[in-house]
C-alpha atoms as a PDB file:
ATOM      1  CA  MET A   1      -6.732 -13.703  15.175  1.00  0.00           C
ATOM      2  CA  ASN A   2      -6.411 -17.220  13.840  1.00  0.00           C
ATOM      3  CA  TYR A   3      -3.072 -18.737  13.068  1.00  0.00           C
ATOM      4  CA  ARG A   4      -2.582 -21.342  10.415  1.00  0.00           C
ATOM      5  CA  SER A   5       0.325 -23.719  10.250  1.00  0.00           C
ATOM      6  CA  PHE A   6       1.743 -24.872   6.954  1.00  0.00           C
ATOM      7  CA  ASP A   7       2.716 -28.398   6.085  1.00  0.00           C
ATOM      8  CA  PHE A   8       6.301 -28.606   4.916  1.00  0.00           C
ATOM      9  CA  ASP A   9       9.211 -31.005   4.941  1.00  0.00           C
ATOM     10  CA  VAL A  10      12.151 -30.239   7.157  1.00  0.00           C
ATOM     11  CA  ASN A  11      15.546 -30.898   5.677  1.00  0.00           C
ATOM     12  CA  THR A  12      17.465 -32.967   8.228  1.00  0.00           C
ATOM     13  CA  ASP A  13      20.752 -32.755   6.336  1.00  0.00           C
ATOM     14  CA  PRO A  14      23.568 -32.399   8.900  1.00  0.00           C
ATOM     15  CA  ASP A  15      25.044 -29.586   6.803  1.00  0.00           C
ATOM     16  CA  GLY A  16      21.986 -27.452   7.519  1.00  0.00           C
ATOM     17  CA  PHE A  17      19.084 -26.242   5.461  1.00  0.00           C
ATOM     18  CA  VAL A  18      18.537 -23.735   2.700  1.00  0.00           C
ATOM     19  CA  VAL A  19      16.121 -20.822   2.836  1.00  0.00           C
ATOM     20  CA  ASP A  20      15.024 -19.590  -0.575  1.00  0.00           C
ATOM     21  CA  LEU A  21      14.928 -15.835   0.083  1.00  0.00           C
ATOM     22  CA  ASP A  22      13.406 -15.074  -3.306  1.00  0.00           C
ATOM     23  CA  SER A  23      10.341 -17.239  -2.700  1.00  0.00           C
ATOM     24  CA  LEU A  24      10.087 -16.012   0.907  1.00  0.00           C
ATOM     25  CA  TYR A  25      10.189 -12.418  -0.319  1.00  0.00           C
ATOM     26  CA  GLU A  26       7.642 -13.139  -3.067  1.00  0.00           C
ATOM     27  CA  HIS A  27       5.249 -14.808  -0.648  1.00  0.00           C
ATOM     28  CA  LEU A  28       5.516 -12.098   2.006  1.00  0.00           C
ATOM     29  CA  SER A  29       5.134  -9.330  -0.580  1.00  0.00           C
ATOM     30  CA  THR A  30       1.593 -10.554  -1.291  1.00  0.00           C
ATOM     31  CA  LEU A  31       0.479  -9.547   2.211  1.00  0.00           C
ATOM     32  CA  THR A  32      -1.504  -6.350   2.682  1.00  0.00           C
ATOM     33  CA  ASP A  33       0.203  -3.697   4.781  1.00  0.00           C
ATOM     34  CA  CYS A  34      -2.466  -2.335   7.111  1.00  0.00           C
ATOM     35  CA  ARG A  35      -0.133   0.027   8.945  1.00  0.00           C
ATOM     36  CA  HIS A  36      -0.866   3.738   8.857  1.00  0.00           C
ATOM     37  CA  SER A  37       1.439   5.496   6.384  1.00  0.00           C
ATOM     38  CA  ARG A  38       2.592   7.988   9.013  1.00  0.00           C
ATOM     39  CA  GLY A  39       5.790   6.757  10.602  1.00  0.00           C
ATOM     40  CA  LYS A  40       6.459   3.928   8.157  1.00  0.00           C
ATOM     41  CA  ARG A  41      10.188   3.638   7.591  1.00  0.00           C
ATOM     42  CA  TYR A  42      10.476   0.279   5.861  1.00  0.00           C
ATOM     43  CA  ALA A  43       8.290  -1.769   3.573  1.00  0.00           C
ATOM     44  CA  LEU A  44       6.341  -4.491   5.363  1.00  0.00           C
ATOM     45  CA  VAL A  45       8.006  -7.218   3.310  1.00  0.00           C
ATOM     46  CA  THR A  46      11.456  -5.992   4.385  1.00  0.00           C
ATOM     47  CA  VAL A  47      10.499  -6.013   8.056  1.00  0.00           C
ATOM     48  CA  LEU A  48       8.998  -9.489   7.815  1.00  0.00           C
ATOM     49  CA  VAL A  49      11.969 -11.006   5.961  1.00  0.00           C
ATOM     50  CA  PHE A  50      14.371  -9.719   8.606  1.00  0.00           C
ATOM     51  CA  VAL A  51      12.132 -10.967  11.426  1.00  0.00           C
ATOM     52  CA  VAL A  52      11.938 -14.436   9.845  1.00  0.00           C
ATOM     53  CA  LEU A  53      15.718 -14.528   9.385  1.00  0.00           C
ATOM     54  CA  ALA A  54      16.291 -13.440  12.983  1.00  0.00           C
ATOM     55  CA  LYS A  55      13.917 -16.155  14.183  1.00  0.00           C
ATOM     56  CA  LEU A  56      15.758 -18.746  12.088  1.00  0.00           C
ATOM     57  CA  ALA A  57      18.979 -17.530  13.707  1.00  0.00           C
ATOM     58  CA  GLY A  58      17.500 -18.352  17.111  1.00  0.00           C
ATOM     59  CA  GLU A  59      16.211 -15.006  18.329  1.00  0.00           C
ATOM     60  CA  ASP A  60      12.915 -15.342  20.155  1.00  0.00           C
ATOM     61  CA  ARG A  61      12.505 -12.034  21.982  1.00  0.00           C
ATOM     62  CA  LEU A  62      11.654  -8.723  20.347  1.00  0.00           C
ATOM     63  CA  ALA A  63      14.775  -7.089  21.792  1.00  0.00           C
ATOM     64  CA  GLY A  64      16.925  -9.917  20.432  1.00  0.00           C
ATOM     65  CA  ILE A  65      15.313  -9.668  16.992  1.00  0.00           C
ATOM     66  CA  ALA A  66      15.864  -5.892  16.934  1.00  0.00           C
ATOM     67  CA  GLU A  67      19.503  -6.309  17.959  1.00  0.00           C
ATOM     68  CA  TRP A  68      20.075  -9.045  15.358  1.00  0.00           C
ATOM     69  CA  ILE A  69      18.663  -6.790  12.638  1.00  0.00           C
ATOM     70  CA  ALA A  70      20.650  -3.748  13.826  1.00  0.00           C
ATOM     71  CA  LEU A  71      23.885  -5.736  13.642  1.00  0.00           C
ATOM     72  CA  ARG A  72      23.186  -6.513   9.974  1.00  0.00           C
ATOM     73  CA  LYS A  73      22.245  -2.973   9.032  1.00  0.00           C
ATOM     74  CA  ASN A  74      25.771  -1.892   8.115  1.00  0.00           C
END
């Protein structure tokens, strides 16, 4: 599998940065979901958006990402 990095500007504003969830969702929704339909609980785009948000929040382990998502489920 080949990974490709994207060129983008990083906002260095001390107040933080803004993530445009609409454009993130739109971009990720163009991906093809190759998972088998059996056992699918969530749309691929939903899973990916939550994983990206967890990563932006500093989670870097699968268990941490899963916990971060579970805490936002309510």
